[in-house]
Amino acid sequence: MYPTISDLINDLTGIYIPLPVQTFGFFLAISFLCAAWTLSLELKRKEKEGLLKPVLKKKVKGKPASTTDYAVSASAGFLIGWKLLYVITNYSEFVNDTQGVILSSKGNLFGGILIGALSVFMRYRESEKNKKEKPVTVDEKIHPYQLVGNMTVIAAVAGIIGAKIFHNLENIDELMTDPVDALLSFSGLTMYGGLICGAIAVIWFGNKNNISWYHLIDCAAPGLMLAYGTGRVGCHLSGDGDWGIVNLSPKPDRLSFLPDWMWSYHYPHNVISEGIPIPGCEGRHCMMLPEPVFPTPFYEAVICIGLFFVLWSIRKRILIPGILFSVYLIMNGTERFFIEKIRVNTKYHISGNEITQAEIISVCLFIAGIAGLYFFRKRFKENGKATV
C-alpha cells in the first residue's frame, strides 16, 4: 500500500521524494477534477442544444476597493503566510505530520505580516488599475459552464462536511471517545455522506443561478459515477480501511489468470496502521492485516468506472430530463448494496435484522431512481418537450 504519494513514486521509480500529499487525498482531488471536467462538457453540450441558457447578472465596474475588501485580503494573506513560511522552515515536520501542522496554531509571524501586506498591496494595485471616475453598472453574460469552478468548491466543502457527519453517525463510539479528532481529522470519510450533501449544495447553487436542476443533475450523473470510482482507487492504494470481510477461500480456477491480490489481500503498509507488524519493516505504516480480505475498493473502482462509460455512452440518446440521473441512482444503489455483502462496515440492528448505513442509503437511492423514472417520464409527457 502507499499511504503517501511519495511511497507510490518510490515504488515506481526507486526515488523517494518527500511530499506532504496523502494518496487518498490525491485521488480525492482527482475525483473532483474528473467530475468538474465531465460536468463542464455536458453543460456546454446542453447549452449548444438550446436546453440551457446563459443568465445576465449586473456587475459594477470601476468601483474602488472597500475597507472590507482590504480586510479580507489582509486576513487571507496573513493566514497563508503564517502557515507557508512555517512549513518551508519546518518541512520535515510538515511531511511527517501534515494534518497536525495544518490544524495546529503553529505559524510564522513574519511570514503572516509579509504575505498579508503583499495581498493588500496587490488588491490596491488591482483597484487602481480598474477604477473609473464614475463606476458603471453593466450586464454580464454568465454561461452555466463558467460556474463549474464555484460548483466544484461548493461540492468539495459540502461533501467533506457530509462525509464527516455520516461517518460519525456510523461510528458514534469514536465520536464519544475523541470528539475533536473525530470531527477535525482528515481520515474517516463516508463517501455516501459526501455524495448526498455535495449534490444538495450544487443543486441549490444551480437553482440560485437559474440553471434547471433537471438538466443539471443529468449533466452531473456520469461525472459522479467516475468520481466515485477514482475515489475508490485512492481507498485501495492507501488502504484506508474500506476493505472487505476476511476471505480465506481459495481463488477459483476460472480466475486463475488474475493476480492473487485481486481475490484476497493483506493490505500491507495500510495508512491506518491496522493489523500485525510486518517482519523486517521499520518506521511508519509497518502493519498488515493478519488475514486476507476481499479488496472491495478495487472491485468498486472497476465497476463504477465501467458504469461511467455506460452512462457516458447513453447520455445523448436520453431526451427526457432527469432520466439519466435516475439511471445513475439505480446503478449506484445496486452496486453498493451488493458490495456491502462482502464489505466490513458498522451494522445496525433493526427488528432483529443486521443492516449497514450504506445498505439503507443504497436501497433509498434505488427506490428514488425507480420513482424518478416514473416522475420524469410523466412530466415529459405532460410538457411534451425536453426543455424544462
Protein backbone atom coordinates (compact mmCIF):
# COMPACT_ATOMS: atom_id res chain seq x y z
CA MET A 1 0.00 0.00 0.00
CA TYR A 2 1.00 3.60 -0.49
CA PRO A 3 -0.06 5.86 2.40
CA THR A 4 1.50 8.86 0.62
CA ILE A 5 2.24 9.79 -2.97
CA SER A 6 5.93 9.70 -2.01
CA ASP A 7 5.57 5.97 -1.28
CA LEU A 8 3.94 5.41 -4.67
CA ILE A 9 6.64 7.34 -6.55
CA ASN A 10 9.34 5.47 -4.63
CA ASP A 11 7.86 2.11 -5.56
CA LEU A 12 7.54 3.05 -9.24
CA THR A 13 10.90 4.81 -9.68
CA GLY A 14 13.06 3.84 -6.72
CA ILE A 15 13.40 7.53 -5.84
CA TYR A 16 11.95 8.86 -2.58
CA ILE A 17 10.73 12.45 -2.83
CA PRO A 18 9.28 13.71 0.47
CA LEU A 19 5.89 15.19 -0.41
CA PRO A 20 3.13 16.12 2.10
CA VAL A 21 0.42 14.51 -0.05
CA GLN A 22 -1.61 11.54 1.15
CA THR A 23 -2.59 9.06 -1.54
CA PHE A 24 -6.27 9.12 -0.61
CA GLY A 25 -6.33 12.93 -0.63
CA PHE A 26 -4.60 12.99 -4.02
CA PHE A 27 -7.19 10.70 -5.60
CA LEU A 28 -9.99 12.60 -3.88
CA ALA A 29 -8.76 15.74 -5.66
CA ILE A 30 -8.58 13.79 -8.93
CA SER A 31 -12.19 12.73 -8.38
CA PHE A 32 -13.39 16.31 -8.03
CA LEU A 33 -11.46 17.31 -11.17
CA CYS A 34 -12.99 14.41 -13.14
CA ALA A 35 -16.49 15.37 -12.01
CA ALA A 36 -15.87 19.05 -12.85
CA TRP A 37 -14.48 18.21 -16.30
CA THR A 38 -17.38 15.99 -17.35
CA LEU A 39 -19.92 18.43 -15.86
CA SER A 40 -18.41 21.29 -17.87
CA LEU A 41 -18.56 19.26 -21.09
CA GLU A 42 -22.19 18.36 -20.54
CA LEU A 43 -23.25 21.90 -19.63
CA LYS A 44 -21.62 23.19 -22.82
CA ARG A 45 -23.38 20.50 -24.86
CA LYS A 46 -26.80 21.24 -23.41
CA GLU A 47 -26.35 24.97 -23.91
CA LYS A 48 -25.34 24.35 -27.54
CA GLU A 49 -28.53 22.29 -27.98
CA GLY A 50 -30.61 25.13 -26.53
CA LEU A 51 -31.59 23.25 -23.38
CA LEU A 52 -29.71 25.64 -21.10
CA LYS A 53 -29.25 29.38 -21.48
CA PRO A 54 -26.79 31.92 -20.08
CA VAL A 55 -28.03 34.38 -17.49
CA LEU A 56 -27.42 38.11 -17.24
CA LYS A 57 -26.03 39.45 -13.99
CA LYS A 58 -25.48 43.07 -13.12
CA LYS A 59 -21.91 43.95 -12.25
CA VAL A 60 -20.46 47.27 -11.09
CA LYS A 61 -17.19 48.15 -12.84
CA GLY A 62 -14.73 50.81 -11.82
CA LYS A 63 -15.72 50.85 -8.13
CA PRO A 64 -12.75 51.34 -5.76
CA ALA A 65 -11.95 48.61 -3.25
CA SER A 66 -13.72 48.95 0.09
CA THR A 67 -12.36 48.64 3.60
CA THR A 68 -13.93 45.18 3.77
CA ASP A 69 -12.08 44.14 0.59
CA TYR A 70 -8.76 45.18 2.12
CA ALA A 71 -9.57 43.46 5.42
CA VAL A 72 -10.39 40.19 3.65
CA SER A 73 -7.19 40.38 1.58
CA ALA A 74 -5.11 41.11 4.67
CA SER A 75 -6.66 38.28 6.70
CA ALA A 76 -6.35 35.71 3.92
CA GLY A 77 -2.78 36.77 3.16
CA PHE A 78 -1.77 36.66 6.83
CA LEU A 79 -3.14 33.13 7.31
CA ILE A 80 -1.39 31.87 4.16
CA GLY A 81 1.92 33.49 5.10
CA TRP A 82 1.59 32.38 8.74
CA LYS A 83 1.45 28.73 7.69
CA LEU A 84 3.52 28.85 4.49
CA LEU A 85 6.77 30.19 5.95
CA TYR A 86 6.48 27.80 8.92
CA VAL A 87 6.05 24.89 6.51
CA ILE A 88 9.06 25.99 4.45
CA THR A 89 11.29 26.25 7.53
CA ASN A 90 9.94 23.06 9.11
CA TYR A 91 9.36 20.91 6.04
CA SER A 92 10.31 17.57 7.63
CA GLU A 93 7.78 18.09 10.42
CA PHE A 94 5.14 19.03 7.83
CA VAL A 95 5.78 15.89 5.75
CA ASN A 96 5.64 13.62 8.82
CA ASP A 97 2.51 15.20 10.30
CA THR A 98 0.75 17.25 7.62
CA GLN A 99 -2.62 17.24 9.35
CA GLY A 100 -1.15 18.15 12.72
CA VAL A 101 0.75 21.14 11.35
CA ILE A 102 -2.20 22.46 9.33
CA LEU A 103 -4.67 22.19 12.21
CA SER A 104 -2.25 23.47 14.87
CA SER A 105 -1.66 27.07 15.90
CA LYS A 106 1.94 26.85 14.68
CA GLY A 107 2.99 29.51 12.24
CA ASN A 108 5.48 32.25 11.41
CA LEU A 109 4.56 35.81 12.35
CA PHE A 110 6.97 37.39 9.86
CA GLY A 111 5.51 35.28 7.03
CA GLY A 112 1.99 36.29 8.03
CA ILE A 113 2.78 40.01 8.07
CA LEU A 114 4.75 39.83 4.79
CA ILE A 115 2.13 37.96 2.75
CA GLY A 116 -0.70 39.91 4.39
CA ALA A 117 0.89 43.24 3.38
CA LEU A 118 1.60 41.92 -0.12
CA SER A 119 -2.05 40.85 -0.51
CA VAL A 120 -3.28 44.31 0.49
CA PHE A 121 -0.83 45.95 -1.93
CA MET A 122 -1.94 43.71 -4.82
CA ARG A 123 -5.59 44.42 -4.02
CA TYR A 124 -4.80 48.17 -4.08
CA ARG A 125 -2.99 47.91 -7.43
CA GLU A 126 -5.89 45.99 -8.95
CA SER A 127 -8.38 48.53 -7.64
CA GLU A 128 -6.42 51.46 -9.01
CA LYS A 129 -6.00 49.77 -12.37
CA ASN A 130 -9.74 49.18 -12.80
CA LYS A 131 -11.02 52.30 -11.05
CA LYS A 132 -13.17 54.65 -13.11
CA GLU A 133 -14.05 58.23 -12.42
CA LYS A 134 -17.67 57.15 -12.34
CA PRO A 135 -18.46 53.44 -11.70
CA VAL A 136 -20.82 51.90 -14.25
CA THR A 137 -23.26 49.00 -13.96
CA VAL A 138 -23.19 46.53 -16.84
CA ASP A 139 -24.99 43.32 -17.69
CA GLU A 140 -22.55 40.44 -17.78
CA LYS A 141 -23.49 37.19 -19.55
CA ILE A 142 -22.72 34.12 -17.43
CA HIS A 143 -22.73 30.72 -19.13
CA PRO A 144 -23.61 27.69 -16.97
CA TYR A 145 -20.25 26.01 -17.63
CA GLN A 146 -18.48 29.11 -16.27
CA LEU A 147 -19.91 28.30 -12.84
CA VAL A 148 -18.35 24.83 -12.69
CA GLY A 149 -15.41 26.13 -10.62
CA ASN A 150 -17.79 27.51 -7.99
CA MET A 151 -19.82 24.30 -8.06
CA THR A 152 -16.66 22.24 -7.50
CA VAL A 153 -15.64 24.26 -4.46
CA ILE A 154 -19.16 24.12 -3.03
CA ALA A 155 -19.35 20.36 -3.67
CA ALA A 156 -15.95 19.83 -2.04
CA VAL A 157 -16.79 21.77 1.13
CA ALA A 158 -20.31 20.36 1.50
CA GLY A 159 -19.09 16.89 0.52
CA ILE A 160 -16.34 16.76 3.14
CA ILE A 161 -18.72 18.05 5.82
CA GLY A 162 -21.34 15.50 4.81
CA ALA A 163 -18.78 12.70 4.69
CA LYS A 164 -17.65 13.53 8.24
CA ILE A 165 -21.22 13.76 9.54
CA PHE A 166 -22.24 10.40 8.05
CA HIS A 167 -19.03 8.74 9.27
CA ASN A 168 -19.55 9.97 12.82
CA LEU A 169 -23.20 8.88 12.78
CA GLU A 170 -21.98 5.46 11.75
CA ASN A 171 -19.24 5.41 14.41
CA ILE A 172 -20.76 7.09 17.45
CA ASP A 173 -18.30 5.32 19.78
CA GLU A 174 -15.32 7.02 18.06
CA LEU A 175 -17.07 10.39 18.30
CA MET A 176 -17.73 9.96 22.01
CA THR A 177 -14.18 8.78 22.72
CA ASP A 178 -12.38 11.65 20.96
CA PRO A 179 -14.83 14.20 19.51
CA VAL A 180 -12.14 16.70 18.46
CA ASP A 181 -10.18 14.17 16.41
CA ALA A 182 -13.38 12.62 15.01
CA LEU A 183 -14.63 15.99 13.75
CA LEU A 184 -11.36 17.54 12.54
CA SER A 185 -9.23 14.65 11.29
CA PHE A 186 -8.77 14.07 7.55
CA SER A 187 -9.48 10.36 7.96
CA GLY A 188 -12.90 8.83 8.43
CA LEU A 189 -14.98 9.93 5.45
CA THR A 190 -18.17 8.22 4.30
CA MET A 191 -18.49 8.64 0.54
CA TYR A 192 -22.27 8.44 0.52
CA GLY A 193 -22.45 11.32 3.00
CA GLY A 194 -20.21 13.40 0.76
CA LEU A 195 -22.24 12.47 -2.31
CA ILE A 196 -25.60 13.41 -0.80
CA CYS A 197 -24.55 16.68 0.84
CA GLY A 198 -22.42 17.74 -2.14
CA ALA A 199 -25.28 17.08 -4.56
CA ILE A 200 -27.79 19.06 -2.49
CA ALA A 201 -25.40 22.02 -2.25
CA VAL A 202 -24.71 22.05 -6.02
CA ILE A 203 -28.43 21.82 -6.88
CA TRP A 204 -29.09 24.74 -4.53
CA PHE A 205 -26.32 26.79 -6.16
CA GLY A 206 -27.53 25.92 -9.66
CA ASN A 207 -31.07 26.95 -8.78
CA LYS A 208 -29.78 30.29 -7.48
CA ASN A 209 -28.17 30.87 -10.86
CA ASN A 210 -31.23 29.86 -12.89
CA ILE A 211 -29.78 26.53 -14.05
CA SER A 212 -32.55 23.98 -14.43
CA TRP A 213 -31.92 21.30 -11.82
CA TYR A 214 -33.47 18.70 -14.14
CA HIS A 215 -30.68 19.22 -16.65
CA LEU A 216 -28.03 19.92 -14.01
CA ILE A 217 -28.41 16.52 -12.33
CA ASP A 218 -28.23 14.79 -15.72
CA CYS A 219 -25.06 16.70 -16.55
CA ALA A 220 -23.52 15.66 -13.23
CA ALA A 221 -24.53 11.97 -13.29
CA PRO A 222 -21.67 10.49 -15.38
CA GLY A 223 -19.07 12.53 -13.52
CA LEU A 224 -20.43 11.46 -10.14
CA MET A 225 -20.02 7.82 -11.11
CA LEU A 226 -16.49 8.45 -12.41
CA ALA A 227 -15.54 10.41 -9.28
CA TYR A 228 -16.80 7.59 -7.06
CA GLY A 229 -14.68 5.10 -8.98
CA THR A 230 -11.49 7.16 -8.90
CA GLY A 231 -12.07 7.86 -5.21
CA ARG A 232 -12.14 4.12 -4.57
CA VAL A 233 -8.78 3.83 -6.34
CA GLY A 234 -7.42 6.08 -3.59
CA CYS A 235 -9.09 3.96 -0.92
CA HIS A 236 -7.47 0.82 -2.28
CA LEU A 237 -3.97 2.23 -2.87
CA SER A 238 -3.81 3.84 0.58
CA GLY A 239 -5.50 1.00 2.47
CA ASP A 240 -7.82 3.32 4.36
CA GLY A 241 -9.92 0.60 5.99
CA ASP A 242 -12.69 0.37 3.38
CA TRP A 243 -11.80 -3.22 2.62
CA GLY A 244 -13.93 -6.35 2.65
CA ILE A 245 -14.51 -9.19 5.06
CA VAL A 246 -11.94 -11.94 5.64
CA ASN A 247 -11.57 -14.17 2.58
CA LEU A 248 -9.80 -17.47 3.24
CA SER A 249 -11.41 -19.27 0.32
CA PRO A 250 -9.05 -20.48 -2.42
CA LYS A 251 -9.16 -18.50 -5.66
CA PRO A 252 -11.50 -20.19 -8.16
CA ASP A 253 -9.83 -21.85 -11.14
CA ARG A 254 -11.79 -19.64 -13.53
CA LEU A 255 -9.97 -16.61 -12.01
CA SER A 256 -6.51 -18.19 -12.06
CA PHE A 257 -5.30 -15.68 -14.68
CA LEU A 258 -5.80 -12.81 -12.19
CA PRO A 259 -3.20 -11.76 -9.60
CA ASP A 260 -3.83 -13.26 -6.14
CA TRP A 261 -4.32 -9.82 -4.55
CA MET A 262 -7.47 -9.29 -6.63
CA TRP A 263 -9.07 -12.21 -4.80
CA SER A 264 -7.78 -11.67 -1.27
CA TYR A 265 -5.29 -9.18 0.13
CA HIS A 266 -3.48 -8.43 3.39
CA TYR A 267 -3.20 -4.65 2.72
CA PRO A 268 0.42 -4.32 3.89
CA HIS A 269 1.60 -0.84 4.90
CA ASN A 270 -2.01 0.41 5.13
CA VAL A 271 -2.39 4.07 6.03
CA ILE A 272 -4.39 3.41 9.22
CA SER A 273 -1.68 1.03 10.55
CA GLU A 274 -4.15 -1.74 11.28
CA GLY A 275 -3.21 -5.37 11.83
CA ILE A 276 0.04 -7.07 12.82
CA PRO A 277 3.66 -5.92 12.38
CA ILE A 278 5.34 -6.69 9.05
CA PRO A 279 8.56 -8.66 9.68
CA GLY A 280 11.66 -6.59 8.97
CA CYS A 281 9.74 -3.35 8.42
CA GLU A 282 10.81 -0.20 10.26
CA GLY A 283 9.20 3.21 10.51
CA ARG A 284 5.59 4.23 10.00
CA HIS A 285 2.92 2.14 8.31
CA CYS A 286 4.54 -1.21 9.08
CA MET A 287 1.32 -3.16 9.65
CA MET A 288 -0.66 -5.65 7.61
CA LEU A 289 -3.94 -7.46 8.16
CA PRO A 290 -3.48 -10.83 9.90
CA GLU A 291 -5.90 -12.50 7.48
CA PRO A 292 -6.53 -11.63 3.81
CA VAL A 293 -9.76 -9.81 2.90
CA PHE A 294 -11.76 -9.06 -0.22
CA PRO A 295 -10.24 -5.93 -1.87
CA THR A 296 -13.67 -4.29 -2.22
CA PRO A 297 -12.34 -0.78 -3.04
CA PHE A 298 -10.69 -2.26 -6.13
CA TYR A 299 -13.93 -4.00 -7.12
CA GLU A 300 -15.91 -0.77 -6.73
CA ALA A 301 -13.32 1.19 -8.72
CA VAL A 302 -13.55 -1.23 -11.66
CA ILE A 303 -17.36 -1.42 -11.54
CA CYS A 304 -18.01 2.31 -11.18
CA ILE A 305 -15.50 3.42 -13.81
CA GLY A 306 -17.12 0.87 -16.12
CA LEU A 307 -20.58 2.24 -15.27
CA PHE A 308 -19.31 5.74 -16.06
CA PHE A 309 -18.59 4.66 -19.63
CA VAL A 310 -22.09 3.17 -19.85
CA LEU A 311 -23.69 6.45 -18.70
CA TRP A 312 -21.41 8.48 -20.96
CA SER A 313 -22.34 6.36 -23.99
CA ILE A 314 -26.10 6.67 -23.49
CA ARG A 315 -26.32 10.30 -22.33
CA LYS A 316 -27.12 11.75 -25.80
CA ARG A 317 -29.80 9.16 -26.51
CA ILE A 318 -31.89 10.09 -23.47
CA LEU A 319 -34.07 13.10 -24.25
CA ILE A 320 -36.15 13.24 -21.06
CA PRO A 321 -34.50 15.45 -18.41
CA GLY A 322 -33.87 13.60 -15.14
CA ILE A 323 -33.91 10.10 -16.62
CA LEU A 324 -30.12 9.80 -16.87
CA PHE A 325 -29.73 10.78 -13.22
CA SER A 326 -32.42 8.26 -12.26
CA VAL A 327 -30.48 5.54 -14.08
CA TYR A 328 -27.36 6.66 -12.20
CA LEU A 329 -29.19 6.32 -8.86
CA ILE A 330 -30.32 2.80 -9.74
CA MET A 331 -26.82 1.77 -10.82
CA ASN A 332 -25.14 3.31 -7.80
CA GLY A 333 -27.63 1.88 -5.33
CA THR A 334 -27.45 -1.62 -6.83
CA GLU A 335 -23.65 -1.67 -6.94
CA ARG A 336 -23.22 -0.52 -3.36
CA PHE A 337 -25.96 -2.77 -1.95
CA PHE A 338 -24.33 -5.93 -3.25
CA ILE A 339 -20.74 -4.90 -2.43
CA GLU A 340 -21.87 -4.41 1.18
CA LYS A 341 -22.38 -8.19 1.43
CA ILE A 342 -18.59 -8.70 1.43
CA ARG A 343 -17.51 -5.39 2.95
CA VAL A 344 -16.54 -4.53 6.53
CA ASN A 345 -18.95 -1.97 7.96
CA THR A 346 -20.77 -0.97 11.12
CA LYS A 347 -24.10 -2.80 11.33
CA TYR A 348 -27.35 -1.50 12.81
CA HIS A 349 -29.76 -3.91 14.48
CA ILE A 350 -33.31 -3.20 13.31
CA SER A 351 -36.17 -5.56 14.22
CA GLY A 352 -33.74 -8.43 14.71
CA ASN A 353 -32.01 -7.81 11.36
CA GLU A 354 -28.48 -6.54 10.75
CA ILE A 355 -28.13 -3.78 8.17
CA THR A 356 -25.45 -1.21 7.38
CA GLN A 357 -25.88 2.52 6.82
CA ALA A 358 -24.75 2.08 3.21
CA GLU A 359 -27.35 -0.65 2.60
CA ILE A 360 -30.09 1.65 3.88
CA ILE A 361 -28.91 4.52 1.68
CA SER A 362 -28.38 2.29 -1.37
CA VAL A 363 -31.93 0.94 -1.10
CA CYS A 364 -33.22 4.53 -0.82
CA LEU A 365 -31.20 5.52 -3.91
CA PHE A 366 -32.55 2.57 -5.88
CA ILE A 367 -36.15 3.43 -4.91
CA ALA A 368 -35.52 7.12 -5.71
CA GLY A 369 -34.18 6.09 -9.12
CA ILE A 370 -37.24 3.99 -9.92
CA ALA A 371 -39.52 6.81 -8.73
CA GLY A 372 -37.50 9.25 -10.85
CA LEU A 373 -38.06 7.18 -13.99
CA TYR A 374 -41.81 7.37 -13.42
CA PHE A 375 -41.88 11.03 -12.38
CA PHE A 376 -39.69 12.41 -15.18
CA ARG A 377 -41.40 10.33 -17.89
CA LYS A 378 -44.81 11.52 -16.70
CA ARG A 379 -43.66 15.14 -16.57
CA PHE A 380 -42.18 14.89 -20.06
CA LYS A 381 -45.45 13.52 -21.47
CA GLU A 382 -47.37 16.35 -19.86
CA ASN A 383 -45.00 19.03 -21.17
CA GLY A 384 -44.29 17.34 -24.50
CA LYS A 385 -40.76 18.71 -24.75
CA ALA A 386 -37.25 18.13 -23.42
CA THR A 387 -36.67 21.64 -22.09
CA VAL A 388 -37.70 22.45 -18.54
